Amino acid sequence: MTEVTLLRRGAVVRIPSTALGPELPVLGITFVDLQFDDDHVERWFGPGLLGSAPEDPDMETVVEWAHDDVADGQAEALLSELADDGLEIPPGALARTPVEIVFEWNVPLPAELSLSCRAPRGT
């Protein structure tokens, strides 16, 4: 196993519009930024989670969802993927690492993520 330093973790939130709208689907993808022994840094992406903006859309709710459900909720799955690739995160590193939420606006969602595939998220 190769031990790496966890610099930050978080979620990339892809919004298929230039503004939030009621029940607009959004995609959250968990990530970690890893520093290797030679000091180079890589961003590794993990599982994604499909959600939707609340009926009365506000950024605070989307940020909370991105932090709680995506960055925190998908962290263990991403760590498992890293371990499968031979990378080891020191114990307790997740709790000590800053969380960053990144927004990408006007990014089309993948075609397979149609409206019929998602569960609506309320406020």
N, C-alpha and C. Protein backbone atom coordinates (compact mmCIF):
# COMPACT_ATOMS: atom_id res chain seq x y z
N MET A 1 0.84 -1.19 0.00
CA MET A 1 0.00 0.00 0.00
C MET A 1 0.88 1.25 0.00
N THR A 2 0.45 2.24 -0.75
CA THR A 2 1.14 3.52 -0.80
C THR A 2 0.39 4.51 0.07
N GLU A 3 1.06 5.07 1.07
CA GLU A 3 0.41 6.06 1.92
C GLU A 3 0.46 7.41 1.23
N VAL A 4 -0.66 8.10 1.22
CA VAL A 4 -0.77 9.44 0.63
C VAL A 4 -1.33 10.39 1.67
N THR A 5 -1.11 11.68 1.43
CA THR A 5 -1.65 12.71 2.32
C THR A 5 -2.95 13.23 1.74
N LEU A 6 -3.97 13.27 2.56
CA LEU A 6 -5.27 13.79 2.15
C LEU A 6 -5.27 15.30 2.40
N LEU A 7 -5.26 16.09 1.32
CA LEU A 7 -5.20 17.55 1.44
C LEU A 7 -6.57 18.18 1.65
N ARG A 8 -7.54 17.71 0.89
CA ARG A 8 -8.91 18.19 1.03
C ARG A 8 -9.83 17.15 0.43
N ARG A 9 -11.08 17.26 0.79
CA ARG A 9 -12.12 16.39 0.26
C ARG A 9 -13.34 17.25 0.03
N GLY A 10 -14.28 16.73 -0.72
CA GLY A 10 -15.47 17.52 -0.94
C GLY A 10 -16.38 16.95 -1.99
N ALA A 11 -17.11 17.88 -2.63
CA ALA A 11 -18.08 17.50 -3.65
C ALA A 11 -18.05 18.52 -4.78
N VAL A 12 -18.16 18.01 -5.99
CA VAL A 12 -18.39 18.85 -7.15
C VAL A 12 -19.88 18.73 -7.46
N VAL A 13 -20.57 19.86 -7.50
CA VAL A 13 -22.00 19.88 -7.77
C VAL A 13 -22.21 20.42 -9.18
N ARG A 14 -22.75 19.57 -10.04
CA ARG A 14 -23.00 19.97 -11.43
C ARG A 14 -24.46 20.34 -11.57
N ILE A 15 -24.68 21.57 -12.03
CA ILE A 15 -26.02 22.13 -12.17
C ILE A 15 -26.25 22.41 -13.66
N PRO A 16 -27.27 21.80 -14.27
CA PRO A 16 -27.47 21.91 -15.71
C PRO A 16 -28.17 23.19 -16.15
N SER A 17 -27.87 24.28 -15.50
CA SER A 17 -28.53 25.55 -15.78
C SER A 17 -27.62 26.67 -15.28
N THR A 18 -27.99 27.91 -15.60
CA THR A 18 -27.22 29.05 -15.10
C THR A 18 -27.76 29.56 -13.77
N ALA A 19 -28.90 28.99 -13.32
CA ALA A 19 -29.50 29.38 -12.03
C ALA A 19 -30.27 28.19 -11.47
N LEU A 20 -30.42 28.16 -10.18
CA LEU A 20 -31.22 27.11 -9.56
C LEU A 20 -32.69 27.34 -9.86
N GLY A 21 -33.39 26.27 -10.11
CA GLY A 21 -34.83 26.33 -10.31
C GLY A 21 -35.48 25.27 -9.46
N PRO A 22 -36.79 25.39 -9.21
CA PRO A 22 -37.50 24.41 -8.39
C PRO A 22 -37.34 23.00 -8.95
N GLU A 23 -36.94 22.06 -8.09
CA GLU A 23 -36.82 20.65 -8.44
C GLU A 23 -35.84 20.38 -9.59
N LEU A 24 -34.93 21.29 -9.85
CA LEU A 24 -33.92 21.11 -10.88
C LEU A 24 -32.98 19.99 -10.46
N PRO A 25 -32.74 19.00 -11.34
CA PRO A 25 -31.82 17.92 -10.95
C PRO A 25 -30.39 18.44 -10.86
N VAL A 26 -29.67 17.96 -9.86
CA VAL A 26 -28.26 18.30 -9.69
C VAL A 26 -27.49 17.01 -9.41
N LEU A 27 -26.24 16.99 -9.83
CA LEU A 27 -25.40 15.82 -9.62
C LEU A 27 -24.25 16.21 -8.71
N GLY A 28 -24.06 15.47 -7.63
CA GLY A 28 -22.95 15.69 -6.72
C GLY A 28 -21.95 14.55 -6.83
N ILE A 29 -20.68 14.87 -7.02
CA ILE A 29 -19.63 13.86 -7.16
C ILE A 29 -18.60 14.10 -6.07
N THR A 30 -18.34 13.08 -5.26
CA THR A 30 -17.36 13.21 -4.20
C THR A 30 -15.94 13.21 -4.77
N PHE A 31 -15.02 13.89 -4.07
CA PHE A 31 -13.63 13.89 -4.51
C PHE A 31 -12.70 14.01 -3.31
N VAL A 32 -11.45 13.64 -3.55
CA VAL A 32 -10.36 13.88 -2.60
C VAL A 32 -9.17 14.40 -3.40
N ASP A 33 -8.41 15.31 -2.78
CA ASP A 33 -7.14 15.75 -3.34
C ASP A 33 -6.04 15.07 -2.55
N LEU A 34 -5.22 14.30 -3.25
CA LEU A 34 -4.18 13.49 -2.62
C LEU A 34 -2.80 14.01 -2.98
N GLN A 35 -1.91 14.07 -1.99
CA GLN A 35 -0.52 14.44 -2.23
C GLN A 35 0.34 13.18 -2.08
N PHE A 36 1.17 12.94 -3.07
CA PHE A 36 2.02 11.75 -3.09
C PHE A 36 3.41 12.10 -2.57
N ASP A 37 4.22 11.06 -2.34
CA ASP A 37 5.57 11.24 -1.77
C ASP A 37 6.43 12.21 -2.57
N ASP A 38 6.24 12.26 -3.89
CA ASP A 38 7.04 13.16 -4.73
C ASP A 38 6.44 14.57 -4.79
N ASP A 39 5.45 14.86 -3.94
CA ASP A 39 4.77 16.15 -3.78
C ASP A 39 3.79 16.51 -4.89
N HIS A 40 3.57 15.62 -5.86
CA HIS A 40 2.53 15.95 -6.85
C HIS A 40 1.16 15.67 -6.23
N VAL A 41 0.17 16.40 -6.72
CA VAL A 41 -1.19 16.32 -6.19
C VAL A 41 -2.13 15.87 -7.30
N GLU A 42 -3.03 14.98 -6.94
CA GLU A 42 -4.05 14.50 -7.88
C GLU A 42 -5.42 14.61 -7.22
N ARG A 43 -6.43 14.96 -8.04
CA ARG A 43 -7.82 14.93 -7.58
C ARG A 43 -8.43 13.62 -8.07
N TRP A 44 -8.92 12.82 -7.12
CA TRP A 44 -9.56 11.55 -7.44
C TRP A 44 -11.05 11.71 -7.18
N PHE A 45 -11.86 11.29 -8.17
CA PHE A 45 -13.31 11.37 -8.04
C PHE A 45 -13.87 10.02 -7.64
N GLY A 46 -14.93 10.07 -6.84
CA GLY A 46 -15.60 8.86 -6.39
C GLY A 46 -17.02 8.81 -6.90
N PRO A 47 -17.88 8.15 -6.15
CA PRO A 47 -19.26 7.98 -6.58
C PRO A 47 -20.03 9.30 -6.64
N GLY A 48 -21.02 9.30 -7.52
CA GLY A 48 -21.89 10.46 -7.64
C GLY A 48 -23.24 10.18 -7.00
N LEU A 49 -23.96 11.26 -6.77
CA LEU A 49 -25.29 11.15 -6.16
C LEU A 49 -26.19 12.16 -6.85
N LEU A 50 -27.31 11.69 -7.34
CA LEU A 50 -28.28 12.57 -8.01
C LEU A 50 -29.26 13.11 -7.00
N GLY A 51 -29.50 14.40 -7.05
CA GLY A 51 -30.46 15.05 -6.17
C GLY A 51 -31.24 16.08 -6.96
N SER A 52 -32.00 16.89 -6.27
CA SER A 52 -32.73 17.97 -6.94
C SER A 52 -32.83 19.15 -6.00
N ALA A 53 -32.93 20.32 -6.60
CA ALA A 53 -33.11 21.54 -5.81
C ALA A 53 -34.49 21.49 -5.15
N PRO A 54 -34.63 22.11 -3.98
CA PRO A 54 -35.95 22.13 -3.33
C PRO A 54 -36.95 22.95 -4.14
N GLU A 55 -38.22 22.82 -3.78
CA GLU A 55 -39.27 23.57 -4.48
C GLU A 55 -39.04 25.07 -4.40
N ASP A 56 -38.51 25.52 -3.28
CA ASP A 56 -38.14 26.93 -3.12
C ASP A 56 -36.60 26.95 -3.08
N PRO A 57 -35.96 27.01 -4.25
CA PRO A 57 -34.52 26.78 -4.33
C PRO A 57 -33.68 27.84 -3.61
N ASP A 58 -32.71 27.35 -2.87
CA ASP A 58 -31.75 28.23 -2.22
C ASP A 58 -30.41 27.52 -2.16
N MET A 59 -29.33 28.27 -2.24
CA MET A 59 -27.99 27.70 -2.26
C MET A 59 -27.64 27.03 -0.94
N GLU A 60 -28.13 27.55 0.17
CA GLU A 60 -27.81 26.97 1.47
C GLU A 60 -28.22 25.49 1.54
N THR A 61 -29.39 25.18 1.02
CA THR A 61 -29.87 23.79 1.02
C THR A 61 -29.01 22.91 0.13
N VAL A 62 -28.61 23.43 -1.02
CA VAL A 62 -27.77 22.66 -1.94
C VAL A 62 -26.38 22.43 -1.34
N VAL A 63 -25.82 23.46 -0.70
CA VAL A 63 -24.51 23.31 -0.04
C VAL A 63 -24.61 22.27 1.08
N GLU A 64 -25.66 22.32 1.87
CA GLU A 64 -25.86 21.35 2.95
C GLU A 64 -25.95 19.93 2.40
N TRP A 65 -26.71 19.75 1.32
CA TRP A 65 -26.83 18.44 0.67
C TRP A 65 -25.47 17.97 0.16
N ALA A 66 -24.73 18.88 -0.48
CA ALA A 66 -23.42 18.52 -1.02
C ALA A 66 -22.46 18.11 0.09
N HIS A 67 -22.50 18.80 1.20
CA HIS A 67 -21.62 18.47 2.32
C HIS A 67 -22.04 17.17 3.00
N ASP A 68 -23.30 17.09 3.42
CA ASP A 68 -23.77 15.96 4.22
C ASP A 68 -23.94 14.68 3.41
N ASP A 69 -24.65 14.76 2.30
CA ASP A 69 -24.98 13.56 1.54
C ASP A 69 -23.89 13.12 0.57
N VAL A 70 -23.19 14.09 -0.02
CA VAL A 70 -22.19 13.74 -1.02
C VAL A 70 -20.80 13.61 -0.38
N ALA A 71 -20.25 14.72 0.12
CA ALA A 71 -18.88 14.69 0.66
C ALA A 71 -18.76 13.73 1.84
N ASP A 72 -19.69 13.82 2.82
CA ASP A 72 -19.64 12.93 3.98
C ASP A 72 -20.23 11.55 3.67
N GLY A 73 -21.37 11.55 3.01
CA GLY A 73 -22.10 10.31 2.77
C GLY A 73 -21.40 9.35 1.82
N GLN A 74 -20.61 9.85 0.89
CA GLN A 74 -19.94 9.01 -0.09
C GLN A 74 -18.46 8.80 0.22
N ALA A 75 -17.96 9.37 1.33
CA ALA A 75 -16.53 9.34 1.65
C ALA A 75 -16.01 7.92 1.84
N GLU A 76 -16.73 7.09 2.56
CA GLU A 76 -16.25 5.72 2.81
C GLU A 76 -16.16 4.92 1.52
N ALA A 77 -17.11 5.12 0.61
CA ALA A 77 -17.06 4.41 -0.68
C ALA A 77 -15.82 4.84 -1.47
N LEU A 78 -15.50 6.13 -1.43
CA LEU A 78 -14.31 6.61 -2.14
C LEU A 78 -13.04 6.06 -1.50
N LEU A 79 -12.98 6.04 -0.16
CA LEU A 79 -11.81 5.48 0.52
C LEU A 79 -11.63 4.00 0.16
N SER A 80 -12.72 3.29 0.03
CA SER A 80 -12.66 1.88 -0.36
C SER A 80 -12.09 1.74 -1.78
N GLU A 81 -12.51 2.62 -2.69
CA GLU A 81 -11.97 2.61 -4.05
C GLU A 81 -10.47 2.90 -4.04
N LEU A 82 -10.04 3.86 -3.21
CA LEU A 82 -8.62 4.19 -3.11
C LEU A 82 -7.83 2.98 -2.60
N ALA A 83 -8.36 2.31 -1.59
CA ALA A 83 -7.70 1.12 -1.05
C ALA A 83 -7.58 0.03 -2.12
N ASP A 84 -8.64 -0.13 -2.92
CA ASP A 84 -8.60 -1.11 -4.01
C ASP A 84 -7.49 -0.79 -5.01
N ASP A 85 -7.14 0.51 -5.13
CA ASP A 85 -6.07 0.93 -6.03
C ASP A 85 -4.71 0.99 -5.34
N GLY A 86 -4.64 0.48 -4.10
CA GLY A 86 -3.37 0.41 -3.40
C GLY A 86 -2.95 1.68 -2.68
N LEU A 87 -3.90 2.59 -2.46
CA LEU A 87 -3.60 3.85 -1.76
C LEU A 87 -4.18 3.81 -0.36
N GLU A 88 -3.39 4.25 0.60
CA GLU A 88 -3.81 4.21 2.00
C GLU A 88 -3.90 5.62 2.57
N ILE A 89 -5.05 5.92 3.15
CA ILE A 89 -5.28 7.19 3.84
C ILE A 89 -5.05 6.93 5.33
N PRO A 90 -4.22 7.75 5.99
CA PRO A 90 -3.98 7.54 7.43
C PRO A 90 -5.29 7.58 8.22
N PRO A 91 -5.37 6.77 9.29
CA PRO A 91 -6.58 6.76 10.12
C PRO A 91 -6.89 8.16 10.67
N GLY A 92 -8.17 8.51 10.65
CA GLY A 92 -8.61 9.81 11.17
C GLY A 92 -8.41 10.97 10.23
N ALA A 93 -7.85 10.72 9.05
CA ALA A 93 -7.56 11.82 8.12
C ALA A 93 -8.84 12.51 7.63
N LEU A 94 -9.90 11.75 7.44
CA LEU A 94 -11.16 12.36 6.97
C LEU A 94 -11.65 13.43 7.93
N ALA A 95 -11.59 13.15 9.21
CA ALA A 95 -12.11 14.09 10.22
C ALA A 95 -11.27 15.36 10.28
N ARG A 96 -10.01 15.28 9.93
CA ARG A 96 -9.11 16.44 10.02
C ARG A 96 -9.00 17.24 8.73
N THR A 97 -9.59 16.76 7.68
CA THR A 97 -9.40 17.36 6.35
C THR A 97 -10.49 18.37 6.04
N PRO A 98 -10.09 19.55 5.52
CA PRO A 98 -11.11 20.53 5.13
C PRO A 98 -11.99 20.02 3.99
N VAL A 99 -13.23 20.48 4.00
CA VAL A 99 -14.20 20.10 2.97
C VAL A 99 -14.43 21.30 2.06
N GLU A 100 -14.42 21.04 0.77
CA GLU A 100 -14.63 22.08 -0.24
C GLU A 100 -15.81 21.67 -1.12
N ILE A 101 -16.71 22.61 -1.37
CA ILE A 101 -17.83 22.37 -2.27
C ILE A 101 -17.60 23.23 -3.52
N VAL A 102 -17.55 22.58 -4.67
CA VAL A 102 -17.29 23.25 -5.94
C VAL A 102 -18.56 23.19 -6.78
N PHE A 103 -18.93 24.31 -7.38
CA PHE A 103 -20.12 24.35 -8.25
C PHE A 103 -19.70 24.51 -9.69
N GLU A 104 -20.30 23.70 -10.55
CA GLU A 104 -20.14 23.82 -12.00
C GLU A 104 -21.52 24.13 -12.57
N TRP A 105 -21.65 25.31 -13.13
CA TRP A 105 -22.94 25.77 -13.65
C TRP A 105 -23.05 25.48 -15.14
N ASN A 106 -24.29 25.27 -15.59
CA ASN A 106 -24.61 25.09 -17.00
C ASN A 106 -23.89 23.87 -17.59
N VAL A 107 -23.80 22.81 -16.80
CA VAL A 107 -23.17 21.56 -17.22
C VAL A 107 -24.27 20.52 -17.43
N PRO A 108 -24.43 20.03 -18.65
CA PRO A 108 -25.48 19.02 -18.88
C PRO A 108 -25.23 17.77 -18.05
N LEU A 109 -26.30 17.20 -17.52
CA LEU A 109 -26.19 15.93 -16.81
C LEU A 109 -26.08 14.81 -17.83
N PRO A 110 -25.43 13.71 -17.47
CA PRO A 110 -25.36 12.56 -18.38
C PRO A 110 -26.76 12.10 -18.79
N ALA A 111 -26.90 11.65 -20.02
CA ALA A 111 -28.21 11.26 -20.57
C ALA A 111 -28.88 10.18 -19.75
N GLU A 112 -28.08 9.27 -19.16
CA GLU A 112 -28.69 8.17 -18.40
C GLU A 112 -29.32 8.64 -17.10
N LEU A 113 -29.10 9.90 -16.72
CA LEU A 113 -29.69 10.43 -15.49
C LEU A 113 -30.95 11.23 -15.81
N SER A 114 -31.89 10.57 -16.41
CA SER A 114 -33.13 11.24 -16.78
C SER A 114 -33.97 11.54 -15.55
N LEU A 115 -34.98 12.37 -15.72
CA LEU A 115 -35.87 12.72 -14.62
C LEU A 115 -36.55 11.49 -14.02
N SER A 116 -36.78 10.46 -14.81
CA SER A 116 -37.46 9.28 -14.29
C SER A 116 -36.57 8.46 -13.36
N CYS A 117 -35.26 8.71 -13.36
CA CYS A 117 -34.32 7.94 -12.52
C CYS A 117 -34.13 8.56 -11.14
N ARG A 118 -34.63 9.74 -10.90
CA ARG A 118 -34.26 10.42 -9.67
C ARG A 118 -35.40 10.50 -8.67
N ALA A 119 -35.02 10.54 -7.43
CA ALA A 119 -35.99 10.73 -6.35
C ALA A 119 -35.99 12.20 -5.98
N PRO A 120 -37.12 12.87 -5.96
CA PRO A 120 -37.14 14.30 -5.61
C PRO A 120 -36.66 14.52 -4.17
N ARG A 121 -36.03 15.66 -3.97
CA ARG A 121 -35.53 16.03 -2.63
C ARG A 121 -36.30 17.26 -2.20
N GLY A 122 -36.92 17.17 -1.06
CA GLY A 122 -37.67 18.30 -0.52
C GLY A 122 -36.80 19.15 0.38
N THR A 123 -37.36 20.18 0.94
CA THR A 123 -36.62 21.07 1.82
C THR A 123 -36.55 20.51 3.21
